[in-house]
């Protein structure tokens, strides 16, 4: 059992895949905004990649674990375990009563996985919280102080030994290609799980015939300020789409914070496929850690 002491700015139960099979009925896909980091968190504790876990935004929660557990925190936030720093590339063991505090970091989102996964009802094939319509996850909402979450058991300790991507966000042409997304852009304060609005050079926007919105689509409304579509995007959209962010870089967009600067670089479809293959290979760059002896748990658990 996990007790929520403080909920953080926006913490919800998510999985990686969301609900891709229900778009024809108007149900958004949802799921983790940074799917790569979410998958890594699960893999570090020995879970299936799509197990239910916590997504945390900007400032994370404070959680008390009522039983011993294996936990991993990944993504752009930082965390402490009973006051001691936790890595974002390895799982940790903890004793019953240990407290994990997740705080701000270099990115917008973090993911906390517990061995055995967070136990919630799966609705329409997913554990993801749909925050806009209020279903899935934990009572269809963000976590609140006093909430209690059930979780599984088992698992194993692993460490990630891969390398992170850097450089411009890579894009491919969209259905309304023709105007380059050159220059430097800045993330607007209106960025959320549905999309990241950018301020910078004004693009030619406007309405077009309604069409399906894939993950990473860059929509340009009439005001000329592009929006990169993320997990909670609408099923359809009616604005020009000059380009799409490649799948390998979606997580990097989801980690952008208000005020962050971003640049784009156009690549070919083959380059996009190669980048995704490399990203998948990096995900499984894991090595097993030895479980610590009980008298060593003070380095990862209670030391008060």
C-alpha atoms as a PDB file:
ATOM      1  CA  UNK A   1       0.000   0.000   0.000  1.00  0.00           C
ATOM      2  CA  UNK A   2       1.188   3.504  -0.879  1.00  0.00           C
ATOM      3  CA  UNK A   3      -0.088   6.529   1.059  1.00  0.00           C
ATOM      4  CA  UNK A   4      -0.160   9.896  -0.701  1.00  0.00           C
ATOM      5  CA  UNK A   5       1.117  12.494   1.778  1.00  0.00           C
ATOM      6  CA  UNK A   6       1.347  15.326  -0.768  1.00  0.00           C
ATOM      7  CA  UNK A   7      -0.002  14.874  -4.314  1.00  0.00           C
ATOM      8  CA  UNK A   8       2.361  17.157  -6.247  1.00  0.00           C
ATOM      9  CA  UNK A   9       1.291  19.494  -9.032  1.00  0.00           C
ATOM     10  CA  UNK A  10      -0.348  16.776 -11.176  1.00  0.00           C
ATOM     11  CA  UNK A  11       0.147  13.091 -10.406  1.00  0.00           C
ATOM     12  CA  UNK A  12      -1.958  10.407 -12.064  1.00  0.00           C
ATOM     13  CA  UNK A  13      -1.964   6.687 -12.718  1.00  0.00           C
ATOM     14  CA  UNK A  14      -1.010   5.954 -16.323  1.00  0.00           C
ATOM     15  CA  UNK A  15       0.220   3.114 -18.485  1.00  0.00           C
ATOM     16  CA  UNK A  16       2.276   3.320 -21.655  1.00  0.00           C
ATOM     17  CA  UNK A  17      -0.117   2.195 -24.362  1.00  0.00           C
ATOM     18  CA  UNK A  18      -3.306   4.025 -23.393  1.00  0.00           C
ATOM     19  CA  UNK A  19      -6.453   3.210 -25.431  1.00  0.00           C
ATOM     20  CA  UNK A  20      -5.488   3.234 -29.134  1.00  0.00           C
ATOM     21  CA  UNK A  21      -8.327   0.914 -30.126  1.00  0.00           C
ATOM     22  CA  UNK A  22     -11.155   3.303 -29.252  1.00  0.00           C
ATOM     23  CA  UNK A  23     -10.402   6.405 -31.309  1.00  0.00           C
ATOM     24  CA  UNK A  24     -13.229   5.577 -33.729  1.00  0.00           C
ATOM     25  CA  UNK A  25     -15.623   6.172 -30.814  1.00  0.00           C
ATOM     26  CA  UNK A  26     -14.020   9.473 -29.858  1.00  0.00           C
ATOM     27  CA  UNK A  27     -11.928   8.150 -26.939  1.00  0.00           C
ATOM     28  CA  UNK A  28      -8.451   9.736 -26.806  1.00  0.00           C
ATOM     29  CA  UNK A  29      -5.475   7.393 -26.661  1.00  0.00           C
ATOM     30  CA  UNK A  30      -4.005   8.902 -23.468  1.00  0.00           C
ATOM     31  CA  UNK A  31      -1.329   6.961 -21.610  1.00  0.00           C
ATOM     32  CA  UNK A  32       2.097   8.259 -20.628  1.00  0.00           C
ATOM     33  CA  UNK A  33       3.105  11.587 -22.192  1.00  0.00           C
ATOM     34  CA  UNK A  34       6.724  10.361 -22.266  1.00  0.00           C
ATOM     35  CA  UNK A  35       6.208   6.676 -23.097  1.00  0.00           C
ATOM     36  CA  UNK A  36       9.924   5.866 -23.278  1.00  0.00           C
ATOM     37  CA  UNK A  37      10.609   7.049 -19.715  1.00  0.00           C
ATOM     38  CA  UNK A  38       7.508   5.231 -18.468  1.00  0.00           C
ATOM     39  CA  UNK A  39       8.609   1.974 -20.073  1.00  0.00           C
ATOM     40  CA  UNK A  40      12.087   2.371 -18.618  1.00  0.00           C
ATOM     41  CA  UNK A  41      10.703   2.862 -15.092  1.00  0.00           C
ATOM     42  CA  UNK A  42       8.725  -0.371 -15.373  1.00  0.00           C
ATOM     43  CA  UNK A  43      11.612  -2.353 -16.816  1.00  0.00           C
ATOM     44  CA  UNK A  44      13.955  -1.201 -14.018  1.00  0.00           C
ATOM     45  CA  UNK A  45      11.789  -2.974 -11.417  1.00  0.00           C
ATOM     46  CA  UNK A  46      11.109  -6.037 -13.560  1.00  0.00           C
ATOM     47  CA  UNK A  47       7.556  -5.104 -14.602  1.00  0.00           C
ATOM     48  CA  UNK A  48       6.024  -5.570 -18.035  1.00  0.00           C
ATOM     49  CA  UNK A  49       6.652  -2.360 -19.978  1.00  0.00           C
ATOM     50  CA  UNK A  50       2.933  -1.440 -19.936  1.00  0.00           C
ATOM     51  CA  UNK A  51       2.297  -1.926 -16.199  1.00  0.00           C
ATOM     52  CA  UNK A  52       0.375   0.822 -14.398  1.00  0.00           C
ATOM     53  CA  UNK A  53       2.614   3.464 -12.797  1.00  0.00           C
ATOM     54  CA  UNK A  54       2.552   7.105 -11.690  1.00  0.00           C
ATOM     55  CA  UNK A  55       3.127  10.049 -14.005  1.00  0.00           C
ATOM     56  CA  UNK A  56       4.225  13.206 -12.162  1.00  0.00           C
ATOM     57  CA  UNK A  57       4.338  16.743 -13.584  1.00  0.00           C
ATOM     58  CA  UNK A  58       6.745  19.574 -12.658  1.00  0.00           C
ATOM     59  CA  UNK A  59       6.669  18.910  -8.901  1.00  0.00           C
ATOM     60  CA  UNK A  60       6.001  15.362  -7.809  1.00  0.00           C
ATOM     61  CA  UNK A  61       4.283  13.824  -4.800  1.00  0.00           C
ATOM     62  CA  UNK A  62       5.450  12.704  -1.378  1.00  0.00           C
ATOM     63  CA  UNK A  63       4.590   9.041  -0.852  1.00  0.00           C
ATOM     64  CA  UNK A  64       4.863   6.706   2.162  1.00  0.00           C
ATOM     65  CA  UNK A  65       5.252   2.999   1.409  1.00  0.00           C
ATOM     66  CA  UNK A  66       3.506   0.800   3.975  1.00  0.00           C
ATOM     67  CA  UNK A  67       5.433  -2.318   2.932  1.00  0.00           C
ATOM     68  CA  UNK A  68       8.901  -3.088   1.571  1.00  0.00           C
ATOM     69  CA  UNK A  69       9.048  -2.463  -2.178  1.00  0.00           C
ATOM     70  CA  UNK A  70      11.246  -2.043  -5.242  1.00  0.00           C
ATOM     71  CA  UNK A  71      10.820   1.386  -6.822  1.00  0.00           C
ATOM     72  CA  UNK A  72      12.246   3.242  -9.826  1.00  0.00           C
ATOM     73  CA  UNK A  73      11.903   6.932 -10.728  1.00  0.00           C
ATOM     74  CA  UNK A  74      12.759   8.010 -14.290  1.00  0.00           C
ATOM     75  CA  UNK A  75      12.266  11.026 -16.541  1.00  0.00           C
ATOM     76  CA  UNK A  76      12.871  14.696 -15.868  1.00  0.00           C
ATOM     77  CA  UNK A  77      12.162  14.990 -12.125  1.00  0.00           C
ATOM     78  CA  UNK A  78      14.410  14.271  -9.133  1.00  0.00           C
ATOM     79  CA  UNK A  79      13.587  12.181  -6.070  1.00  0.00           C
ATOM     80  CA  UNK A  80      14.801  11.351  -2.582  1.00  0.00           C
ATOM     81  CA  UNK A  81      14.230   8.205  -0.537  1.00  0.00           C
ATOM     82  CA  UNK A  82      14.112   9.080   3.176  1.00  0.00           C
ATOM     83  CA  UNK A  83      16.094  12.197   2.386  1.00  0.00           C
ATOM     84  CA  UNK A  84      18.752  10.505   0.257  1.00  0.00           C
ATOM     85  CA  UNK A  85      18.985  11.114  -3.526  1.00  0.00           C
ATOM     86  CA  UNK A  86      17.536   8.444  -5.788  1.00  0.00           C
ATOM     87  CA  UNK A  87      19.043   7.759  -9.222  1.00  0.00           C
ATOM     88  CA  UNK A  88      16.875   8.073 -12.322  1.00  0.00           C
ATOM     89  CA  UNK A  89      18.650   5.168 -14.019  1.00  0.00           C
ATOM     90  CA  UNK A  90      18.284   2.384 -11.438  1.00  0.00           C
ATOM     91  CA  UNK A  91      15.717   0.730  -9.161  1.00  0.00           C
ATOM     92  CA  UNK A  92      16.019   0.940  -5.376  1.00  0.00           C
ATOM     93  CA  UNK A  93      14.874  -1.231  -2.473  1.00  0.00           C
ATOM     94  CA  UNK A  94      13.096   0.282   0.524  1.00  0.00           C
ATOM     95  CA  UNK A  95      11.759  -0.772   3.885  1.00  0.00           C
ATOM     96  CA  UNK A  96       8.192  -0.456   5.105  1.00  0.00           C
ATOM     97  CA  UNK A  97       7.602   3.118   6.220  1.00  0.00           C
ATOM     98  CA  UNK A  98      10.044   4.672   3.776  1.00  0.00           C
ATOM     99  CA  UNK A  99       9.103   8.002   2.200  1.00  0.00           C
ATOM    100  CA  UNK A 100       9.766   8.973  -1.405  1.00  0.00           C
ATOM    101  CA  UNK A 101       9.669  12.687  -2.220  1.00  0.00           C
ATOM    102  CA  UNK A 102       9.660  13.676  -5.900  1.00  0.00           C
ATOM    103  CA  UNK A 103      10.773  17.214  -6.693  1.00  0.00           C
ATOM    104  CA  UNK A 104      11.418  19.428  -9.699  1.00  0.00           C
ATOM    105  CA  UNK A 105      14.215  18.565 -12.101  1.00  0.00           C
ATOM    106  CA  UNK A 106      15.522  19.273 -15.599  1.00  0.00           C
ATOM    107  CA  UNK A 107      12.338  18.079 -17.305  1.00  0.00           C
ATOM    108  CA  UNK A 108       8.579  18.439 -17.024  1.00  0.00           C
ATOM    109  CA  UNK A 109       7.609  14.868 -16.131  1.00  0.00           C
ATOM    110  CA  UNK A 110       8.750  11.910 -14.071  1.00  0.00           C
ATOM    111  CA  UNK A 111       7.560   8.325 -13.737  1.00  0.00           C
ATOM    112  CA  UNK A 112       7.456   6.181 -10.608  1.00  0.00           C
ATOM    113  CA  UNK A 113       7.111   2.434 -11.026  1.00  0.00           C
ATOM    114  CA  UNK A 114       6.671  -0.108  -8.222  1.00  0.00           C
ATOM    115  CA  UNK A 115       7.488  -3.780  -8.684  1.00  0.00           C
ATOM    116  CA  UNK A 116       4.197  -5.538  -9.390  1.00  0.00           C
ATOM    117  CA  UNK A 117       2.615  -2.374 -10.765  1.00  0.00           C
ATOM    118  CA  UNK A 118      -0.042  -0.044  -9.359  1.00  0.00           C
ATOM    119  CA  UNK A 119      -3.267  -2.012  -8.858  1.00  0.00           C
ATOM    120  CA  UNK A 120      -6.266  -0.272 -10.460  1.00  0.00           C
ATOM    121  CA  UNK A 121      -9.195  -1.369 -12.600  1.00  0.00           C
ATOM    122  CA  UNK A 122      -8.397  -1.535 -16.303  1.00  0.00           C
ATOM    123  CA  UNK A 123     -11.082   0.246 -18.325  1.00  0.00           C
ATOM    124  CA  UNK A 124     -11.306  -0.180 -22.107  1.00  0.00           C
ATOM    125  CA  UNK A 125      -8.085  -2.188 -21.917  1.00  0.00           C
ATOM    126  CA  UNK A 126      -6.025   0.423 -20.090  1.00  0.00           C
ATOM    127  CA  UNK A 127      -5.115   1.627 -16.591  1.00  0.00           C
ATOM    128  CA  UNK A 128      -4.539   5.180 -17.853  1.00  0.00           C
ATOM    129  CA  UNK A 129      -6.333   8.131 -16.250  1.00  0.00           C
ATOM    130  CA  UNK A 130      -8.365  10.182 -18.724  1.00  0.00           C
ATOM    131  CA  UNK A 131      -8.272  13.473 -16.820  1.00  0.00           C
ATOM    132  CA  UNK A 132     -10.588  15.347 -19.196  1.00  0.00           C
ATOM    133  CA  UNK A 133     -13.510  12.939 -19.019  1.00  0.00           C
ATOM    134  CA  UNK A 134     -12.777  11.513 -15.559  1.00  0.00           C
ATOM    135  CA  UNK A 135     -12.362   7.761 -15.912  1.00  0.00           C
ATOM    136  CA  UNK A 136      -9.592   5.203 -15.534  1.00  0.00           C
ATOM    137  CA  UNK A 137      -6.641   5.196 -13.172  1.00  0.00           C
ATOM    138  CA  UNK A 138      -7.469   6.110  -9.559  1.00  0.00           C
ATOM    139  CA  UNK A 139     -11.113   7.251  -9.519  1.00  0.00           C
ATOM    140  CA  UNK A 140     -10.610   8.974 -12.881  1.00  0.00           C
ATOM    141  CA  UNK A 141      -8.657  11.886 -11.397  1.00  0.00           C
ATOM    142  CA  UNK A 142      -5.285  13.181 -10.278  1.00  0.00           C
ATOM    143  CA  UNK A 143      -4.074  11.976  -6.877  1.00  0.00           C
ATOM    144  CA  UNK A 144      -4.976  13.844  -3.695  1.00  0.00           C
ATOM    145  CA  UNK A 145      -3.468  13.888  -0.212  1.00  0.00           C
ATOM    146  CA  UNK A 146      -4.778  10.921   1.745  1.00  0.00           C
ATOM    147  CA  UNK A 147      -5.243   8.626  -1.255  1.00  0.00           C
ATOM    148  CA  UNK A 148      -4.051   5.044  -0.853  1.00  0.00           C
ATOM    149  CA  UNK A 149      -2.842   2.978  -3.769  1.00  0.00           C
ATOM    150  CA  UNK A 150      -2.517  -0.775  -3.841  1.00  0.00           C
ATOM    151  CA  UNK A 151       0.458  -2.290  -5.625  1.00  0.00           C
ATOM    152  CA  UNK A 152       1.824  -5.712  -6.485  1.00  0.00           C
ATOM    153  CA  UNK A 153       4.939  -7.503  -5.345  1.00  0.00           C
ATOM    154  CA  UNK A 154       7.972  -9.349  -6.721  1.00  0.00           C
ATOM    155  CA  UNK A 155      10.229  -7.739  -9.290  1.00  0.00           C
ATOM    156  CA  UNK A 156      13.988  -7.303  -9.509  1.00  0.00           C
ATOM    157  CA  UNK A 157      16.536  -4.514  -9.359  1.00  0.00           C
ATOM    158  CA  UNK A 158      18.001  -3.303 -12.655  1.00  0.00           C
ATOM    159  CA  UNK A 159      20.085  -0.373 -13.860  1.00  0.00           C
ATOM    160  CA  UNK A 160      19.988   1.407 -17.216  1.00  0.00           C
ATOM    161  CA  UNK A 161      23.382   1.868 -18.883  1.00  0.00           C
ATOM    162  CA  UNK A 162      22.309   3.481 -22.175  1.00  0.00           C
ATOM    163  CA  UNK A 163      22.747   7.033 -23.446  1.00  0.00           C
ATOM    164  CA  UNK A 164      20.166   9.803 -23.802  1.00  0.00           C
ATOM    165  CA  UNK A 165      19.400  11.638 -27.056  1.00  0.00           C
ATOM    166  CA  UNK A 166      20.266  15.298 -27.580  1.00  0.00           C
ATOM    167  CA  UNK A 167      20.115  17.928 -30.322  1.00  0.00           C
ATOM    168  CA  UNK A 168      17.139  19.418 -32.191  1.00  0.00           C
ATOM    169  CA  UNK A 169      13.732  17.746 -32.150  1.00  0.00           C
ATOM    170  CA  UNK A 170      13.462  15.782 -35.391  1.00  0.00           C
ATOM    171  CA  UNK A 171      10.433  16.158 -37.646  1.00  0.00           C
ATOM    172  CA  UNK A 172       9.073  14.746 -40.905  1.00  0.00           C
ATOM    173  CA  UNK A 173       6.765  16.416 -43.408  1.00  0.00           C
ATOM    174  CA  UNK A 174       3.062  16.506 -42.617  1.00  0.00           C
ATOM    175  CA  UNK A 175       0.076  16.718 -44.985  1.00  0.00           C
ATOM    176  CA  UNK A 176       0.470  20.512 -45.287  1.00  0.00           C
ATOM    177  CA  UNK A 177       4.236  20.663 -45.746  1.00  0.00           C
ATOM    178  CA  UNK A 178       5.873  23.617 -47.399  1.00  0.00           C
ATOM    179  CA  UNK A 179       6.829  26.036 -44.642  1.00  0.00           C
ATOM    180  CA  UNK A 180       9.944  25.276 -42.595  1.00  0.00           C
ATOM    181  CA  UNK A 181       9.877  25.278 -38.787  1.00  0.00           C
ATOM    182  CA  UNK A 182      13.173  27.121 -38.663  1.00  0.00           C
ATOM    183  CA  UNK A 183      14.505  29.244 -35.830  1.00  0.00           C
ATOM    184  CA  UNK A 184      14.210  28.939 -32.080  1.00  0.00           C
ATOM    185  CA  UNK A 185      10.891  28.345 -30.337  1.00  0.00           C
ATOM    186  CA  UNK A 186       9.909  28.776 -26.696  1.00  0.00           C
ATOM    187  CA  UNK A 187       7.431  26.595 -24.818  1.00  0.00           C
ATOM    188  CA  UNK A 188       4.293  28.474 -23.800  1.00  0.00           C
ATOM    189  CA  UNK A 189       2.771  28.324 -20.327  1.00  0.00           C
ATOM    190  CA  UNK A 190      -0.243  26.541 -21.852  1.00  0.00           C
ATOM    191  CA  UNK A 191       1.641  23.267 -22.422  1.00  0.00           C
ATOM    192  CA  UNK A 192      -0.141  20.210 -20.986  1.00  0.00           C
ATOM    193  CA  UNK A 193      -0.705  16.487 -21.652  1.00  0.00           C
ATOM    194  CA  UNK A 194      -2.743  17.286 -24.776  1.00  0.00           C
ATOM    195  CA  UNK A 195      -0.101  19.379 -26.474  1.00  0.00           C
ATOM    196  CA  UNK A 196       2.800  21.806 -26.225  1.00  0.00           C
ATOM    197  CA  UNK A 197       2.119  25.278 -27.631  1.00  0.00           C
ATOM    198  CA  UNK A 198       5.175  27.112 -28.946  1.00  0.00           C
ATOM    199  CA  UNK A 199       5.942  30.815 -29.232  1.00  0.00           C
ATOM    200  CA  UNK A 200       8.293  32.036 -31.949  1.00  0.00           C
ATOM    201  CA  UNK A 201       8.154  32.698 -35.680  1.00  0.00           C
ATOM    202  CA  UNK A 202       4.576  33.068 -36.911  1.00  0.00           C
ATOM    203  CA  UNK A 203       3.535  30.285 -39.290  1.00  0.00           C
ATOM    204  CA  UNK A 204       0.745  30.159 -41.834  1.00  0.00           C
ATOM    205  CA  UNK A 205      -2.107  28.506 -39.983  1.00  0.00           C
ATOM    206  CA  UNK A 206      -5.802  28.093 -40.468  1.00  0.00           C
ATOM    207  CA  UNK A 207      -8.614  25.609 -40.756  1.00  0.00           C
ATOM    208  CA  UNK A 208      -8.647  22.586 -43.047  1.00  0.00           C
ATOM    209  CA  UNK A 209     -10.934  19.600 -43.465  1.00  0.00           C
ATOM    210  CA  UNK A 210     -11.141  17.590 -40.232  1.00  0.00           C
ATOM    211  CA  UNK A 211      -8.643  14.714 -40.052  1.00  0.00           C
ATOM    212  CA  UNK A 212      -7.244  12.238 -37.547  1.00  0.00           C
ATOM    213  CA  UNK A 213      -4.469  13.578 -35.300  1.00  0.00           C
ATOM    214  CA  UNK A 214      -1.506  11.220 -34.864  1.00  0.00           C
ATOM    215  CA  UNK A 215       0.896  11.499 -31.963  1.00  0.00           C
ATOM    216  CA  UNK A 216       3.436  14.249 -32.634  1.00  0.00           C
ATOM    217  CA  UNK A 217       1.346  16.141 -35.193  1.00  0.00           C
ATOM    218  CA  UNK A 218       2.239  19.847 -35.239  1.00  0.00           C
ATOM    219  CA  UNK A 219      -0.993  21.785 -35.684  1.00  0.00           C
ATOM    220  CA  UNK A 220      -0.993  25.463 -36.638  1.00  0.00           C
ATOM    221  CA  UNK A 221      -4.205  27.304 -35.695  1.00  0.00           C
ATOM    222  CA  UNK A 222      -5.123  30.672 -37.222  1.00  0.00           C
ATOM    223  CA  UNK A 223      -2.897  32.608 -34.788  1.00  0.00           C
ATOM    224  CA  UNK A 224       0.187  30.950 -36.342  1.00  0.00           C
ATOM    225  CA  UNK A 225       1.481  29.486 -33.033  1.00  0.00           C
ATOM    226  CA  UNK A 226       2.171  25.752 -33.509  1.00  0.00           C
ATOM    227  CA  UNK A 227       1.017  23.072 -31.060  1.00  0.00           C
ATOM    228  CA  UNK A 228       2.769  19.669 -30.819  1.00  0.00           C
ATOM    229  CA  UNK A 229       0.139  17.023 -30.086  1.00  0.00           C
ATOM    230  CA  UNK A 230       0.811  14.639 -27.170  1.00  0.00           C
ATOM    231  CA  UNK A 231      -0.956  11.751 -25.402  1.00  0.00           C
ATOM    232  CA  UNK A 232      -4.272  13.470 -24.530  1.00  0.00           C
ATOM    233  CA  UNK A 233      -4.696  15.112 -27.950  1.00  0.00           C
ATOM    234  CA  UNK A 234      -8.158  15.175 -29.521  1.00  0.00           C
ATOM    235  CA  UNK A 235      -9.045  12.331 -31.838  1.00  0.00           C
ATOM    236  CA  UNK A 236      -9.445  14.727 -34.779  1.00  0.00           C
ATOM    237  CA  UNK A 237      -8.273  18.218 -35.654  1.00  0.00           C
ATOM    238  CA  UNK A 238      -9.104  20.872 -38.190  1.00  0.00           C
ATOM    239  CA  UNK A 239      -5.928  22.959 -38.461  1.00  0.00           C
ATOM    240  CA  UNK A 240      -2.977  22.790 -40.838  1.00  0.00           C
ATOM    241  CA  UNK A 241      -0.288  20.180 -39.980  1.00  0.00           C
ATOM    242  CA  UNK A 242       2.994  21.099 -41.718  1.00  0.00           C
ATOM    243  CA  UNK A 243       5.094  18.513 -39.871  1.00  0.00           C
ATOM    244  CA  UNK A 244       5.143  15.727 -37.295  1.00  0.00           C
ATOM    245  CA  UNK A 245       7.644  15.006 -34.523  1.00  0.00           C
ATOM    246  CA  UNK A 246       9.172  11.568 -35.013  1.00  0.00           C
ATOM    247  CA  UNK A 247       8.241   8.897 -32.455  1.00  0.00           C
ATOM    248  CA  UNK A 248      11.792   8.644 -31.136  1.00  0.00           C
ATOM    249  CA  UNK A 249      11.582  12.282 -29.960  1.00  0.00           C
ATOM    250  CA  UNK A 250       8.047  12.405 -28.550  1.00  0.00           C
ATOM    251  CA  UNK A 251       9.314  11.891 -25.009  1.00  0.00           C
ATOM    252  CA  UNK A 252      11.736  14.792 -25.392  1.00  0.00           C
ATOM    253  CA  UNK A 253       8.849  17.089 -26.345  1.00  0.00           C
ATOM    254  CA  UNK A 254       6.834  15.851 -23.340  1.00  0.00           C
ATOM    255  CA  UNK A 255       9.769  16.802 -21.087  1.00  0.00           C
ATOM    256  CA  UNK A 256       9.817  20.443 -22.244  1.00  0.00           C
ATOM    257  CA  UNK A 257       8.874  22.929 -19.516  1.00  0.00           C
ATOM    258  CA  UNK A 258       7.257  26.348 -19.969  1.00  0.00           C
ATOM    259  CA  UNK A 259      10.000  28.739 -21.050  1.00  0.00           C
ATOM    260  CA  UNK A 260      12.290  26.034 -22.473  1.00  0.00           C
ATOM    261  CA  UNK A 261      13.739  26.672 -25.925  1.00  0.00           C
ATOM    262  CA  UNK A 262      13.467  24.140 -28.730  1.00  0.00           C
ATOM    263  CA  UNK A 263      14.668  23.828 -32.318  1.00  0.00           C
ATOM    264  CA  UNK A 264      13.523  21.450 -35.065  1.00  0.00           C
ATOM    265  CA  UNK A 265      15.442  19.519 -37.723  1.00  0.00           C
ATOM    266  CA  UNK A 266      13.786  17.868 -40.737  1.00  0.00           C
ATOM    267  CA  UNK A 267      14.694  14.227 -41.405  1.00  0.00           C
ATOM    268  CA  UNK A 268      13.600  11.568 -43.882  1.00  0.00           C
ATOM    269  CA  UNK A 269      11.153   8.779 -43.067  1.00  0.00           C
ATOM    270  CA  UNK A 270      14.027   6.289 -43.176  1.00  0.00           C
ATOM    271  CA  UNK A 271      15.992   8.408 -40.715  1.00  0.00           C
ATOM    272  CA  UNK A 272      12.932   8.485 -38.460  1.00  0.00           C
ATOM    273  CA  UNK A 273      12.633   4.682 -38.565  1.00  0.00           C
ATOM    274  CA  UNK A 274      16.345   4.285 -37.825  1.00  0.00           C
ATOM    275  CA  UNK A 275      16.089   6.683 -34.880  1.00  0.00           C
ATOM    276  CA  UNK A 276      13.202   4.681 -33.442  1.00  0.00           C
ATOM    277  CA  UNK A 277      15.139   1.427 -33.792  1.00  0.00           C
ATOM    278  CA  UNK A 278      18.094   2.979 -31.942  1.00  0.00           C
ATOM    279  CA  UNK A 279      15.769   4.292 -29.232  1.00  0.00           C
ATOM    280  CA  UNK A 280      14.309   0.812 -28.741  1.00  0.00           C
ATOM    281  CA  UNK A 281      17.789  -0.684 -28.514  1.00  0.00           C
ATOM    282  CA  UNK A 282      18.776   1.896 -25.891  1.00  0.00           C
ATOM    283  CA  UNK A 283      15.732   0.998 -23.801  1.00  0.00           C
ATOM    284  CA  UNK A 284      16.957  -2.534 -23.166  1.00  0.00           C
ATOM    285  CA  UNK A 285      20.498  -1.512 -22.211  1.00  0.00           C
ATOM    286  CA  UNK A 286      19.918  -2.922 -18.730  1.00  0.00           C
ATOM    287  CA  UNK A 287      21.996  -4.820 -16.193  1.00  0.00           C
ATOM    288  CA  UNK A 288      20.852  -6.668 -13.085  1.00  0.00           C
ATOM    289  CA  UNK A 289      21.842  -5.241  -9.709  1.00  0.00           C
ATOM    290  CA  UNK A 290      22.561  -7.370  -6.677  1.00  0.00           C
ATOM    291  CA  UNK A 291      19.871  -7.106  -4.023  1.00  0.00           C
ATOM    292  CA  UNK A 292      21.311  -5.303  -0.980  1.00  0.00           C
ATOM    293  CA  UNK A 293      21.642  -7.053   2.323  1.00  0.00           C
ATOM    294  CA  UNK A 294      19.228  -5.919   5.053  1.00  0.00           C
ATOM    295  CA  UNK A 295      21.902  -3.928   6.849  1.00  0.00           C
ATOM    296  CA  UNK A 296      22.641  -2.010   3.629  1.00  0.00           C
ATOM    297  CA  UNK A 297      19.075  -0.785   3.168  1.00  0.00           C
ATOM    298  CA  UNK A 298      19.872   2.359   5.085  1.00  0.00           C
ATOM    299  CA  UNK A 299      21.454   3.661   1.882  1.00  0.00           C
ATOM    300  CA  UNK A 300      18.103   3.327   0.109  1.00  0.00           C
ATOM    301  CA  UNK A 301      15.604   3.235   2.959  1.00  0.00           C
ATOM    302  CA  UNK A 302      15.107   4.603   6.441  1.00  0.00           C
ATOM    303  CA  UNK A 303      18.105   6.056   8.247  1.00  0.00           C
ATOM    304  CA  UNK A 304      16.379   8.141  10.907  1.00  0.00           C
END
